[in-house]
Amino acid sequence: MNAYEFLQNNKAYDSVTNKGIHKEIEYAGPIMMDSGGFFFMKKNEIDITPKDIISFYEKTKPNFGVVLDHPLFPDLTKNQILKRQLETLANTKTMLKHKKTRNPHIVPVIHGYDEKQIEWFVKKLKKIKNFQFYSIGSLVPSLYNVKDVGGLLNVVKIVNQVKSLLPRSKIHVLGTGSALTMHLMFYAGADSLDTSAWRTKAAYGAIQMVGTGDRWISKNVRSKKYTQLSREEKKILEDCKCTSCKSEGIIGLREKFDNRAIHNAWIYQKEVSKARKMIHQNSYDKYVEELLKNTRLSNMLNEIKNLRN
């Protein structure tokens, strides 16, 4: 969940602060709430304070509350990057200082684009407190190699580095990981992650398929080569157990955004459940290596395997 969505809507704010986030969304499991730092920064200002955020967290009672951070963007100068890192660290201290209740767990955000920046930031956080949970932010531009900030390989290297620096802590990766790339993140050391890729891909006419990546099947996609499914892919979708596929099949996926979004979310969660089970059975590494060996991610997997060794 994102605090920004509630803080920008008076009706939603009143409802969630009265009921608490679990009752508001009718979900009894663990909930992490982001501060909305990224969305505030897109407005070119953060017009809310860390005190406001921790107060909101304590009223709404998520299990985990992410620090109000100042995300990095590729076009920032070194001095601007440092300024934002220091502001995020200062907010971390402030939120801890003004936290009055046991819940939520405060989750600091690690920001940096390279090994040196990451190591420096983690050292600064350790001086504040040894946290049980950490998150990594500012990685989305790297996914698309915006202005030479790395690409996907740099993302998984950063995840691996953070896990090596904080081996006893849980690591959450903010904003990354499709049904396929999530396995690189877990393989590199992430314990959890969040993404809107299931929804974004659906909006562009794409569905996620286990082991094969995305398939653009919407009738609105201009190039017909993207809309053609192989016989094997059609069989997989015909056997899919998600509510969209069971009710309206491939036609529903082609024609409706909601159907694609539900299908993608279902595939995503099934892969997460599978990963959890295999990690406990010590069979996950073998599964990932087999899953990714014939994909564009195979070289990155080998890079991470070498780093782990």
C-alpha atoms as a PDB file:
ATOM      1  CA  MET A   1       0.000   0.000   0.000  1.00  0.00           C
ATOM      2  CA  ASN A   2       1.056   3.609  -0.470  1.00  0.00           C
ATOM      3  CA  ALA A   3       0.426   6.360   2.065  1.00  0.00           C
ATOM      4  CA  TYR A   4       0.356   8.940  -0.733  1.00  0.00           C
ATOM      5  CA  GLU A   5      -2.951   7.611  -2.064  1.00  0.00           C
ATOM      6  CA  PHE A   6      -4.631   8.167   1.301  1.00  0.00           C
ATOM      7  CA  LEU A   7      -2.931  11.454   2.151  1.00  0.00           C
ATOM      8  CA  GLN A   8      -4.159  13.015  -1.109  1.00  0.00           C
ATOM      9  CA  ASN A   9      -7.795  12.024  -0.524  1.00  0.00           C
ATOM     10  CA  ASN A  10      -9.608  13.327   2.556  1.00  0.00           C
ATOM     11  CA  LYS A  11     -12.385  10.727   2.400  1.00  0.00           C
ATOM     12  CA  ALA A  12      -9.926   7.831   2.063  1.00  0.00           C
ATOM     13  CA  TYR A  13      -7.739   9.311   4.800  1.00  0.00           C
ATOM     14  CA  ASP A  14     -10.624   9.547   7.268  1.00  0.00           C
ATOM     15  CA  SER A  15     -11.751   6.004   6.507  1.00  0.00           C
ATOM     16  CA  VAL A  16      -8.348   4.328   6.861  1.00  0.00           C
ATOM     17  CA  THR A  17      -7.365   6.235  10.009  1.00  0.00           C
ATOM     18  CA  ASN A  18     -10.661   5.280  11.653  1.00  0.00           C
ATOM     19  CA  LYS A  19     -10.653   1.601  10.663  1.00  0.00           C
ATOM     20  CA  GLY A  20      -6.964   0.789  10.236  1.00  0.00           C
ATOM     21  CA  ILE A  21      -5.453  -0.482   6.997  1.00  0.00           C
ATOM     22  CA  HIS A  22      -6.292  -4.168   7.546  1.00  0.00           C
ATOM     23  CA  LYS A  23     -10.025  -3.528   7.909  1.00  0.00           C
ATOM     24  CA  GLU A  24      -9.944  -0.865   5.187  1.00  0.00           C
ATOM     25  CA  ILE A  25      -8.800  -3.330   2.533  1.00  0.00           C
ATOM     26  CA  GLU A  26     -10.269  -6.433   4.234  1.00  0.00           C
ATOM     27  CA  TYR A  27      -6.958  -8.265   4.442  1.00  0.00           C
ATOM     28  CA  ALA A  28      -5.696  -9.989   7.589  1.00  0.00           C
ATOM     29  CA  GLY A  29      -2.158 -10.800   6.407  1.00  0.00           C
ATOM     30  CA  PRO A  30       0.982  -8.671   6.787  1.00  0.00           C
ATOM     31  CA  ILE A  31       0.860  -5.274   5.081  1.00  0.00           C
ATOM     32  CA  MET A  32       3.732  -2.996   4.112  1.00  0.00           C
ATOM     33  CA  MET A  33       2.978   0.674   3.503  1.00  0.00           C
ATOM     34  CA  ASP A  34       5.262   2.930   1.497  1.00  0.00           C
ATOM     35  CA  SER A  35       5.572   6.576   2.440  1.00  0.00           C
ATOM     36  CA  GLY A  36       4.870   7.908  -1.042  1.00  0.00           C
ATOM     37  CA  GLY A  37       8.263   9.620  -1.272  1.00  0.00           C
ATOM     38  CA  PHE A  38       8.508   8.837  -4.989  1.00  0.00           C
ATOM     39  CA  PHE A  39       5.123  10.406  -5.775  1.00  0.00           C
ATOM     40  CA  PHE A  40       5.822  13.464  -3.663  1.00  0.00           C
ATOM     41  CA  MET A  41       9.127  13.930  -5.485  1.00  0.00           C
ATOM     42  CA  LYS A  42       7.335  13.754  -8.852  1.00  0.00           C
ATOM     43  CA  LYS A  43       5.478  16.877  -7.728  1.00  0.00           C
ATOM     44  CA  ASN A  44       8.951  18.466  -7.278  1.00  0.00           C
ATOM     45  CA  GLU A  45       8.372  18.852  -3.569  1.00  0.00           C
ATOM     46  CA  ILE A  46       7.778  16.734  -0.504  1.00  0.00           C
ATOM     47  CA  ASP A  47       5.015  18.655   1.228  1.00  0.00           C
ATOM     48  CA  ILE A  48       4.788  16.253   4.145  1.00  0.00           C
ATOM     49  CA  THR A  49       7.142  15.588   7.044  1.00  0.00           C
ATOM     50  CA  PRO A  50       8.555  12.353   8.470  1.00  0.00           C
ATOM     51  CA  LYS A  51       6.596  13.137  11.655  1.00  0.00           C
ATOM     52  CA  ASP A  52       3.389  13.189   9.591  1.00  0.00           C
ATOM     53  CA  ILE A  53       4.224   9.838   8.031  1.00  0.00           C
ATOM     54  CA  ILE A  54       5.028   8.032  11.289  1.00  0.00           C
ATOM     55  CA  SER A  55       1.864   9.474  12.833  1.00  0.00           C
ATOM     56  CA  PHE A  56      -0.150   8.183   9.863  1.00  0.00           C
ATOM     57  CA  TYR A  57       1.466   4.754  10.140  1.00  0.00           C
ATOM     58  CA  GLU A  58       0.640   4.503  13.829  1.00  0.00           C
ATOM     59  CA  LYS A  59      -2.988   5.445  13.158  1.00  0.00           C
ATOM     60  CA  THR A  60      -3.453   3.016  10.267  1.00  0.00           C
ATOM     61  CA  LYS A  61      -1.330   0.188  11.737  1.00  0.00           C
ATOM     62  CA  PRO A  62       0.418  -1.522   8.808  1.00  0.00           C
ATOM     63  CA  ASN A  63       2.897  -4.198   9.902  1.00  0.00           C
ATOM     64  CA  PHE A  64       5.761  -2.468   8.096  1.00  0.00           C
ATOM     65  CA  GLY A  65       6.183   1.236   7.400  1.00  0.00           C
ATOM     66  CA  VAL A  66       8.759   2.455   4.884  1.00  0.00           C
ATOM     67  CA  VAL A  67      10.760   5.560   5.774  1.00  0.00           C
ATOM     68  CA  LEU A  68       9.865   8.817   3.999  1.00  0.00           C
ATOM     69  CA  ASP A  69      12.707   8.773   1.502  1.00  0.00           C
ATOM     70  CA  HIS A  70      14.104  11.030  -1.201  1.00  0.00           C
ATOM     71  CA  PRO A  71      14.488   8.780  -4.267  1.00  0.00           C
ATOM     72  CA  LEU A  72      17.344   9.198  -6.718  1.00  0.00           C
ATOM     73  CA  PHE A  73      16.981   9.908 -10.420  1.00  0.00           C
ATOM     74  CA  PRO A  74      19.627   9.404 -13.142  1.00  0.00           C
ATOM     75  CA  ASP A  75      19.877  13.073 -14.113  1.00  0.00           C
ATOM     76  CA  LEU A  76      20.957  14.214 -10.629  1.00  0.00           C
ATOM     77  CA  THR A  77      24.467  15.501 -10.002  1.00  0.00           C
ATOM     78  CA  LYS A  78      26.698  13.809  -7.412  1.00  0.00           C
ATOM     79  CA  ASN A  79      25.989  16.627  -4.959  1.00  0.00           C
ATOM     80  CA  GLN A  80      22.234  16.288  -5.500  1.00  0.00           C
ATOM     81  CA  ILE A  81      22.451  12.535  -4.962  1.00  0.00           C
ATOM     82  CA  LEU A  82      24.369  13.032  -1.717  1.00  0.00           C
ATOM     83  CA  LYS A  83      21.854  15.647  -0.553  1.00  0.00           C
ATOM     84  CA  ARG A  84      18.954  13.254  -1.090  1.00  0.00           C
ATOM     85  CA  GLN A  85      20.769  10.387   0.606  1.00  0.00           C
ATOM     86  CA  LEU A  86      21.449  12.564   3.657  1.00  0.00           C
ATOM     87  CA  GLU A  87      17.813  13.722   3.742  1.00  0.00           C
ATOM     88  CA  THR A  88      16.629  10.103   3.691  1.00  0.00           C
ATOM     89  CA  LEU A  89      19.006   9.233   6.544  1.00  0.00           C
ATOM     90  CA  ALA A  90      17.789  12.262   8.537  1.00  0.00           C
ATOM     91  CA  ASN A  91      14.160  11.191   8.010  1.00  0.00           C
ATOM     92  CA  THR A  92      15.046   7.713   9.258  1.00  0.00           C
ATOM     93  CA  LYS A  93      16.337   9.165  12.521  1.00  0.00           C
ATOM     94  CA  THR A  94      13.322  11.448  12.890  1.00  0.00           C
ATOM     95  CA  MET A  95      10.767   8.680  12.368  1.00  0.00           C
ATOM     96  CA  LEU A  96      12.492   6.442  14.914  1.00  0.00           C
ATOM     97  CA  LYS A  97      12.622   9.297  17.404  1.00  0.00           C
ATOM     98  CA  HIS A  98       8.910  10.078  17.104  1.00  0.00           C
ATOM     99  CA  LYS A  99       7.657   6.503  16.932  1.00  0.00           C
ATOM    100  CA  LYS A 100       5.469   5.898  20.001  1.00  0.00           C
ATOM    101  CA  THR A 101       4.110   2.376  19.468  1.00  0.00           C
ATOM    102  CA  ARG A 102       5.600  -1.051  18.732  1.00  0.00           C
ATOM    103  CA  ASN A 103       3.991  -1.297  15.309  1.00  0.00           C
ATOM    104  CA  PRO A 104       4.799  -0.817  12.548  1.00  0.00           C
ATOM    105  CA  HIS A 105       8.335  -2.044  12.002  1.00  0.00           C
ATOM    106  CA  ILE A 106      10.230   0.866  10.478  1.00  0.00           C
ATOM    107  CA  VAL A 107      11.822  -0.111   7.157  1.00  0.00           C
ATOM    108  CA  PRO A 108      14.717   2.131   6.040  1.00  0.00           C
ATOM    109  CA  VAL A 109      15.383   2.648   2.322  1.00  0.00           C
ATOM    110  CA  ILE A 110      18.848   2.112   0.835  1.00  0.00           C
ATOM    111  CA  HIS A 111      19.632   4.403  -2.104  1.00  0.00           C
ATOM    112  CA  GLY A 112      22.587   4.226  -4.487  1.00  0.00           C
ATOM    113  CA  TYR A 113      23.523   3.448  -8.067  1.00  0.00           C
ATOM    114  CA  ASP A 114      26.883   1.770  -7.547  1.00  0.00           C
ATOM    115  CA  GLU A 115      28.834  -0.382  -5.102  1.00  0.00           C
ATOM    116  CA  LYS A 116      30.555   2.546  -3.385  1.00  0.00           C
ATOM    117  CA  GLN A 117      27.327   4.471  -2.793  1.00  0.00           C
ATOM    118  CA  ILE A 118      25.545   1.381  -1.470  1.00  0.00           C
ATOM    119  CA  GLU A 119      28.337   0.465   0.957  1.00  0.00           C
ATOM    120  CA  TRP A 120      28.491   4.048   2.296  1.00  0.00           C
ATOM    121  CA  PHE A 121      24.707   4.210   2.751  1.00  0.00           C
ATOM    122  CA  VAL A 122      24.489   0.885   4.581  1.00  0.00           C
ATOM    123  CA  LYS A 123      27.269   1.970   6.973  1.00  0.00           C
ATOM    124  CA  LYS A 124      25.341   5.160   7.758  1.00  0.00           C
ATOM    125  CA  LEU A 125      22.168   3.184   8.454  1.00  0.00           C
ATOM    126  CA  LYS A 126      24.018   0.797  10.765  1.00  0.00           C
ATOM    127  CA  LYS A 127      25.133   3.787  12.852  1.00  0.00           C
ATOM    128  CA  ILE A 128      21.476   4.725  13.293  1.00  0.00           C
ATOM    129  CA  LYS A 129      20.234   1.242  14.214  1.00  0.00           C
ATOM    130  CA  ASN A 130      20.551  -2.433  13.324  1.00  0.00           C
ATOM    131  CA  PHE A 131      17.217  -2.896  11.612  1.00  0.00           C
ATOM    132  CA  GLN A 132      15.464  -6.217  11.156  1.00  0.00           C
ATOM    133  CA  PHE A 133      14.144  -5.170   7.751  1.00  0.00           C
ATOM    134  CA  TYR A 134      15.686  -3.056   4.988  1.00  0.00           C
ATOM    135  CA  SER A 135      14.424  -2.006   1.576  1.00  0.00           C
ATOM    136  CA  ILE A 136      16.252  -0.946  -1.578  1.00  0.00           C
ATOM    137  CA  GLY A 137      14.922   1.962  -3.641  1.00  0.00           C
ATOM    138  CA  SER A 138      15.783   3.976  -6.772  1.00  0.00           C
ATOM    139  CA  LEU A 139      16.249   0.820  -8.850  1.00  0.00           C
ATOM    140  CA  VAL A 140      13.497   1.312 -11.437  1.00  0.00           C
ATOM    141  CA  PRO A 141      15.620   3.562 -13.720  1.00  0.00           C
ATOM    142  CA  SER A 142      18.307   0.887 -13.704  1.00  0.00           C
ATOM    143  CA  LEU A 143      15.821  -1.663 -15.013  1.00  0.00           C
ATOM    144  CA  TYR A 144      15.681   0.335 -18.224  1.00  0.00           C
ATOM    145  CA  ASN A 145      19.308   1.518 -18.134  1.00  0.00           C
ATOM    146  CA  VAL A 146      18.157   5.143 -18.083  1.00  0.00           C
ATOM    147  CA  LYS A 147      21.148   7.452 -18.576  1.00  0.00           C
ATOM    148  CA  ASP A 148      23.639   4.656 -17.978  1.00  0.00           C
ATOM    149  CA  VAL A 149      22.622   3.691 -14.448  1.00  0.00           C
ATOM    150  CA  GLY A 150      23.192   0.046 -15.068  1.00  0.00           C
ATOM    151  CA  GLY A 151      20.380  -2.060 -16.432  1.00  0.00           C
ATOM    152  CA  LEU A 152      18.895  -5.158 -14.830  1.00  0.00           C
ATOM    153  CA  LEU A 153      22.309  -6.660 -14.152  1.00  0.00           C
ATOM    154  CA  ASN A 154      23.215  -3.652 -11.992  1.00  0.00           C
ATOM    155  CA  VAL A 155      19.956  -4.100 -10.071  1.00  0.00           C
ATOM    156  CA  VAL A 156      20.654  -7.716  -9.162  1.00  0.00           C
ATOM    157  CA  LYS A 157      24.272  -6.867  -8.306  1.00  0.00           C
ATOM    158  CA  ILE A 158      23.036  -4.216  -5.868  1.00  0.00           C
ATOM    159  CA  VAL A 159      20.568  -6.700  -4.331  1.00  0.00           C
ATOM    160  CA  ASN A 160      23.373  -9.234  -3.931  1.00  0.00           C
ATOM    161  CA  GLN A 161      25.673  -6.626  -2.391  1.00  0.00           C
ATOM    162  CA  VAL A 162      23.069  -5.459   0.133  1.00  0.00           C
ATOM    163  CA  LYS A 163      22.367  -9.050   1.184  1.00  0.00           C
ATOM    164  CA  SER A 164      26.097  -9.682   1.646  1.00  0.00           C
ATOM    165  CA  LEU A 165      26.390  -6.538   3.783  1.00  0.00           C
ATOM    166  CA  LEU A 166      23.258  -7.394   5.803  1.00  0.00           C
ATOM    167  CA  PRO A 167      23.133 -11.215   5.812  1.00  0.00           C
ATOM    168  CA  ARG A 168      20.940 -11.521   8.913  1.00  0.00           C
ATOM    169  CA  SER A 169      18.335  -8.966   7.853  1.00  0.00           C
ATOM    170  CA  LYS A 170      15.337  -9.244   5.556  1.00  0.00           C
ATOM    171  CA  ILE A 171      15.728  -7.366   2.268  1.00  0.00           C
ATOM    172  CA  HIS A 172      12.770  -5.907   0.363  1.00  0.00           C
ATOM    173  CA  VAL A 173      13.214  -4.570  -3.187  1.00  0.00           C
ATOM    174  CA  LEU A 174      10.924  -1.668  -4.039  1.00  0.00           C
ATOM    175  CA  GLY A 175       9.191  -1.489  -7.408  1.00  0.00           C
ATOM    176  CA  THR A 176      10.889  -4.291  -9.347  1.00  0.00           C
ATOM    177  CA  GLY A 177      10.308  -7.855 -10.449  1.00  0.00           C
ATOM    178  CA  SER A 178       8.030  -9.380 -13.070  1.00  0.00           C
ATOM    179  CA  ALA A 179       6.954 -13.025 -12.957  1.00  0.00           C
ATOM    180  CA  LEU A 180      10.304 -13.897 -14.531  1.00  0.00           C
ATOM    181  CA  THR A 181      12.763 -11.308 -13.188  1.00  0.00           C
ATOM    182  CA  MET A 182      11.522 -11.846  -9.612  1.00  0.00           C
ATOM    183  CA  HIS A 183      13.530 -15.061  -9.624  1.00  0.00           C
ATOM    184  CA  LEU A 184      16.734 -13.130 -10.317  1.00  0.00           C
ATOM    185  CA  MET A 185      15.940 -10.916  -7.318  1.00  0.00           C
ATOM    186  CA  PHE A 186      15.307 -13.859  -4.991  1.00  0.00           C
ATOM    187  CA  TYR A 187      18.356 -15.697  -6.334  1.00  0.00           C
ATOM    188  CA  ALA A 188      20.476 -12.591  -5.655  1.00  0.00           C
ATOM    189  CA  GLY A 189      19.260 -12.356  -2.048  1.00  0.00           C
ATOM    190  CA  ALA A 190      15.941 -10.499  -1.913  1.00  0.00           C
ATOM    191  CA  ASP A 191      13.437 -11.797   0.628  1.00  0.00           C
ATOM    192  CA  SER A 192      10.460  -9.889  -0.774  1.00  0.00           C
ATOM    193  CA  LEU A 193       9.596  -7.346  -3.433  1.00  0.00           C
ATOM    194  CA  ASP A 194       6.709  -5.354  -4.820  1.00  0.00           C
ATOM    195  CA  THR A 195       5.752  -4.373  -8.326  1.00  0.00           C
ATOM    196  CA  SER A 196       2.958  -2.891 -10.409  1.00  0.00           C
ATOM    197  CA  ALA A 197       4.209  -4.742 -13.497  1.00  0.00           C
ATOM    198  CA  TRP A 198       1.189  -7.082 -13.484  1.00  0.00           C
ATOM    199  CA  ARG A 199      -1.093  -4.061 -13.959  1.00  0.00           C
ATOM    200  CA  THR A 200       1.178  -2.024 -16.246  1.00  0.00           C
ATOM    201  CA  LYS A 201       1.747  -4.950 -18.601  1.00  0.00           C
ATOM    202  CA  ALA A 202      -1.990  -5.595 -18.747  1.00  0.00           C
ATOM    203  CA  ALA A 203      -2.577  -1.971 -19.754  1.00  0.00           C
ATOM    204  CA  TYR A 204      -0.173  -2.427 -22.679  1.00  0.00           C
ATOM    205  CA  GLY A 205      -1.933  -5.610 -23.775  1.00  0.00           C
ATOM    206  CA  ALA A 206       0.538  -8.106 -22.310  1.00  0.00           C
ATOM    207  CA  ILE A 207       0.056 -11.227 -20.245  1.00  0.00           C
ATOM    208  CA  GLN A 208       2.687 -13.002 -18.167  1.00  0.00           C
ATOM    209  CA  MET A 209       3.458 -16.661 -18.720  1.00  0.00           C
ATOM    210  CA  VAL A 210       5.643 -18.796 -16.487  1.00  0.00           C
ATOM    211  CA  GLY A 211       9.068 -19.459 -17.942  1.00  0.00           C
ATOM    212  CA  THR A 212       8.492 -17.607 -21.210  1.00  0.00           C
ATOM    213  CA  GLY A 213       8.112 -13.978 -20.182  1.00  0.00           C
ATOM    214  CA  ASP A 214       5.431 -11.732 -21.652  1.00  0.00           C
ATOM    215  CA  ARG A 215       3.107 -12.229 -24.582  1.00  0.00           C
ATOM    216  CA  TRP A 216       1.355  -9.233 -26.169  1.00  0.00           C
ATOM    217  CA  ILE A 217      -2.067 -10.575 -27.099  1.00  0.00           C
ATOM    218  CA  SER A 218      -4.415  -7.573 -27.019  1.00  0.00           C
ATOM    219  CA  LYS A 219      -6.288  -6.812 -30.234  1.00  0.00           C
ATOM    220  CA  ASN A 220      -5.077  -3.223 -29.792  1.00  0.00           C
ATOM    221  CA  VAL A 221      -1.442  -4.181 -30.346  1.00  0.00           C
ATOM    222  CA  ARG A 222      -0.526  -2.951 -33.828  1.00  0.00           C
ATOM    223  CA  SER A 223       1.992  -5.586 -34.858  1.00  0.00           C
ATOM    224  CA  LYS A 224       0.365  -8.957 -35.499  1.00  0.00           C
ATOM    225  CA  LYS A 225       3.579 -10.817 -34.758  1.00  0.00           C
ATOM    226  CA  TYR A 226       3.103 -10.042 -31.064  1.00  0.00           C
ATOM    227  CA  THR A 227      -0.462 -11.351 -30.973  1.00  0.00           C
ATOM    228  CA  GLN A 228       0.289 -14.838 -32.276  1.00  0.00           C
ATOM    229  CA  LEU A 229       0.367 -17.562 -29.638  1.00  0.00           C
ATOM    230  CA  SER A 230       1.968 -20.919 -30.275  1.00  0.00           C
ATOM    231  CA  ARG A 231      -0.067 -24.102 -29.889  1.00  0.00           C
ATOM    232  CA  GLU A 232       1.776 -24.847 -26.647  1.00  0.00           C
ATOM    233  CA  GLU A 233       1.075 -21.353 -25.273  1.00  0.00           C
ATOM    234  CA  LYS A 234      -2.618 -21.661 -26.120  1.00  0.00           C
ATOM    235  CA  LYS A 235      -2.741 -24.998 -24.301  1.00  0.00           C
ATOM    236  CA  ILE A 236      -1.097 -23.415 -21.222  1.00  0.00           C
ATOM    237  CA  LEU A 237      -3.714 -20.652 -21.180  1.00  0.00           C
ATOM    238  CA  GLU A 238      -6.564 -23.098 -21.722  1.00  0.00           C
ATOM    239  CA  ASP A 239      -5.361 -24.982 -18.630  1.00  0.00           C
ATOM    240  CA  CYS A 240      -4.796 -21.820 -16.564  1.00  0.00           C
ATOM    241  CA  LYS A 241      -6.739 -21.874 -13.276  1.00  0.00           C
ATOM    242  CA  CYS A 242      -6.998 -18.104 -12.715  1.00  0.00           C
ATOM    243  CA  THR A 243     -10.559 -16.731 -12.540  1.00  0.00           C
ATOM    244  CA  SER A 244     -10.161 -14.765 -15.801  1.00  0.00           C
ATOM    245  CA  CYS A 245      -9.028 -17.729 -17.859  1.00  0.00           C
ATOM    246  CA  LYS A 246     -11.594 -20.067 -16.333  1.00  0.00           C
ATOM    247  CA  SER A 247     -14.481 -17.684 -17.006  1.00  0.00           C
ATOM    248  CA  GLU A 248     -13.657 -16.075 -20.363  1.00  0.00           C
ATOM    249  CA  GLY A 249     -10.540 -17.785 -21.678  1.00  0.00           C
ATOM    250  CA  ILE A 250      -8.124 -16.355 -24.247  1.00  0.00           C
ATOM    251  CA  ILE A 251     -10.807 -14.132 -25.797  1.00  0.00           C
ATOM    252  CA  GLY A 252     -11.290 -12.371 -22.464  1.00  0.00           C
ATOM    253  CA  LEU A 253      -7.537 -11.864 -22.132  1.00  0.00           C
ATOM    254  CA  ARG A 254      -7.362 -10.338 -25.597  1.00  0.00           C
ATOM    255  CA  GLU A 255     -10.290  -7.984 -25.101  1.00  0.00           C
ATOM    256  CA  LYS A 256     -10.306  -6.889 -21.446  1.00  0.00           C
ATOM    257  CA  PHE A 257      -7.718  -5.109 -19.331  1.00  0.00           C
ATOM    258  CA  ASP A 258      -9.233  -6.447 -16.094  1.00  0.00           C
ATOM    259  CA  ASN A 259      -8.882 -10.034 -17.292  1.00  0.00           C
ATOM    260  CA  ARG A 260      -5.216  -9.538 -18.195  1.00  0.00           C
ATOM    261  CA  ALA A 261      -4.497  -7.783 -14.882  1.00  0.00           C
ATOM    262  CA  ILE A 262      -6.139 -10.558 -12.830  1.00  0.00           C
ATOM    263  CA  HIS A 263      -4.331 -13.225 -14.844  1.00  0.00           C
ATOM    264  CA  ASN A 264      -0.961 -11.486 -14.401  1.00  0.00           C
ATOM    265  CA  ALA A 265      -1.463 -11.011 -10.667  1.00  0.00           C
ATOM    266  CA  TRP A 266      -2.437 -14.676 -10.290  1.00  0.00           C
ATOM    267  CA  ILE A 267       0.642 -15.861 -12.219  1.00  0.00           C
ATOM    268  CA  TYR A 268       2.812 -13.548 -10.141  1.00  0.00           C
ATOM    269  CA  GLN A 269       1.507 -14.846  -6.808  1.00  0.00           C
ATOM    270  CA  LYS A 270       1.748 -18.471  -7.918  1.00  0.00           C
ATOM    271  CA  GLU A 271       5.432 -17.947  -8.699  1.00  0.00           C
ATOM    272  CA  VAL A 272       6.016 -16.290  -5.328  1.00  0.00           C
ATOM    273  CA  SER A 273       4.330 -19.223  -3.550  1.00  0.00           C
ATOM    274  CA  LYS A 274       6.379 -21.687  -5.572  1.00  0.00           C
ATOM    275  CA  ALA A 275       9.598 -19.840  -4.716  1.00  0.00           C
ATOM    276  CA  ARG A 276       8.806 -19.857  -0.980  1.00  0.00           C
ATOM    277  CA  LYS A 277       8.093 -23.573  -1.002  1.00  0.00           C
ATOM    278  CA  MET A 278      11.243 -24.467  -2.935  1.00  0.00           C
ATOM    279  CA  ILE A 279      13.469 -22.243  -0.784  1.00  0.00           C
ATOM    280  CA  HIS A 280      12.333 -24.181   2.281  1.00  0.00           C
ATOM    281  CA  GLN A 281      13.001 -27.445   0.442  1.00  0.00           C
ATOM    282  CA  ASN A 282      16.465 -26.266  -0.681  1.00  0.00           C
ATOM    283  CA  SER A 283      15.488 -26.878  -4.314  1.00  0.00           C
ATOM    284  CA  TYR A 284      14.996 -23.280  -5.432  1.00  0.00           C
ATOM    285  CA  ASP A 285      18.399 -22.648  -7.024  1.00  0.00           C
ATOM    286  CA  LYS A 286      18.011 -25.648  -9.302  1.00  0.00           C
ATOM    287  CA  TYR A 287      14.520 -24.489 -10.325  1.00  0.00           C
ATOM    288  CA  VAL A 288      15.709 -20.966 -11.180  1.00  0.00           C
ATOM    289  CA  GLU A 289      18.694 -22.204 -13.155  1.00  0.00           C
ATOM    290  CA  GLU A 290      16.456 -24.510 -15.191  1.00  0.00           C
ATOM    291  CA  LEU A 291      13.760 -21.852 -15.632  1.00  0.00           C
ATOM    292  CA  LEU A 292      16.115 -19.137 -16.888  1.00  0.00           C
ATOM    293  CA  LYS A 293      18.708 -21.128 -18.814  1.00  0.00           C
ATOM    294  CA  ASN A 294      17.110 -20.515 -22.223  1.00  0.00           C
ATOM    295  CA  THR A 295      16.017 -16.921 -21.601  1.00  0.00           C
ATOM    296  CA  ARG A 296      17.651 -13.514 -21.993  1.00  0.00           C
ATOM    297  CA  LEU A 297      18.322 -13.619 -18.237  1.00  0.00           C
ATOM    298  CA  SER A 298      20.659 -16.628 -18.314  1.00  0.00           C
ATOM    299  CA  ASN A 299      23.867 -14.561 -18.527  1.00  0.00           C
ATOM    300  CA  MET A 300      22.781 -12.441 -15.560  1.00  0.00           C
ATOM    301  CA  LEU A 301      22.043 -15.584 -13.593  1.00  0.00           C
ATOM    302  CA  ASN A 302      25.598 -16.779 -14.214  1.00  0.00           C
ATOM    303  CA  GLU A 303      26.957 -13.397 -13.086  1.00  0.00           C
ATOM    304  CA  ILE A 304      25.053 -13.630  -9.812  1.00  0.00           C
ATOM    305  CA  LYS A 305      26.112 -17.247  -9.321  1.00  0.00           C
ATOM    306  CA  ASN A 306      29.757 -16.136  -9.607  1.00  0.00           C
ATOM    307  CA  LEU A 307      29.194 -13.303  -7.120  1.00  0.00           C
ATOM    308  CA  ARG A 308      27.579 -15.672  -4.638  1.00  0.00           C
ATOM    309  CA  ASN A 309      30.533 -18.031  -4.888  1.00  0.00           C
END
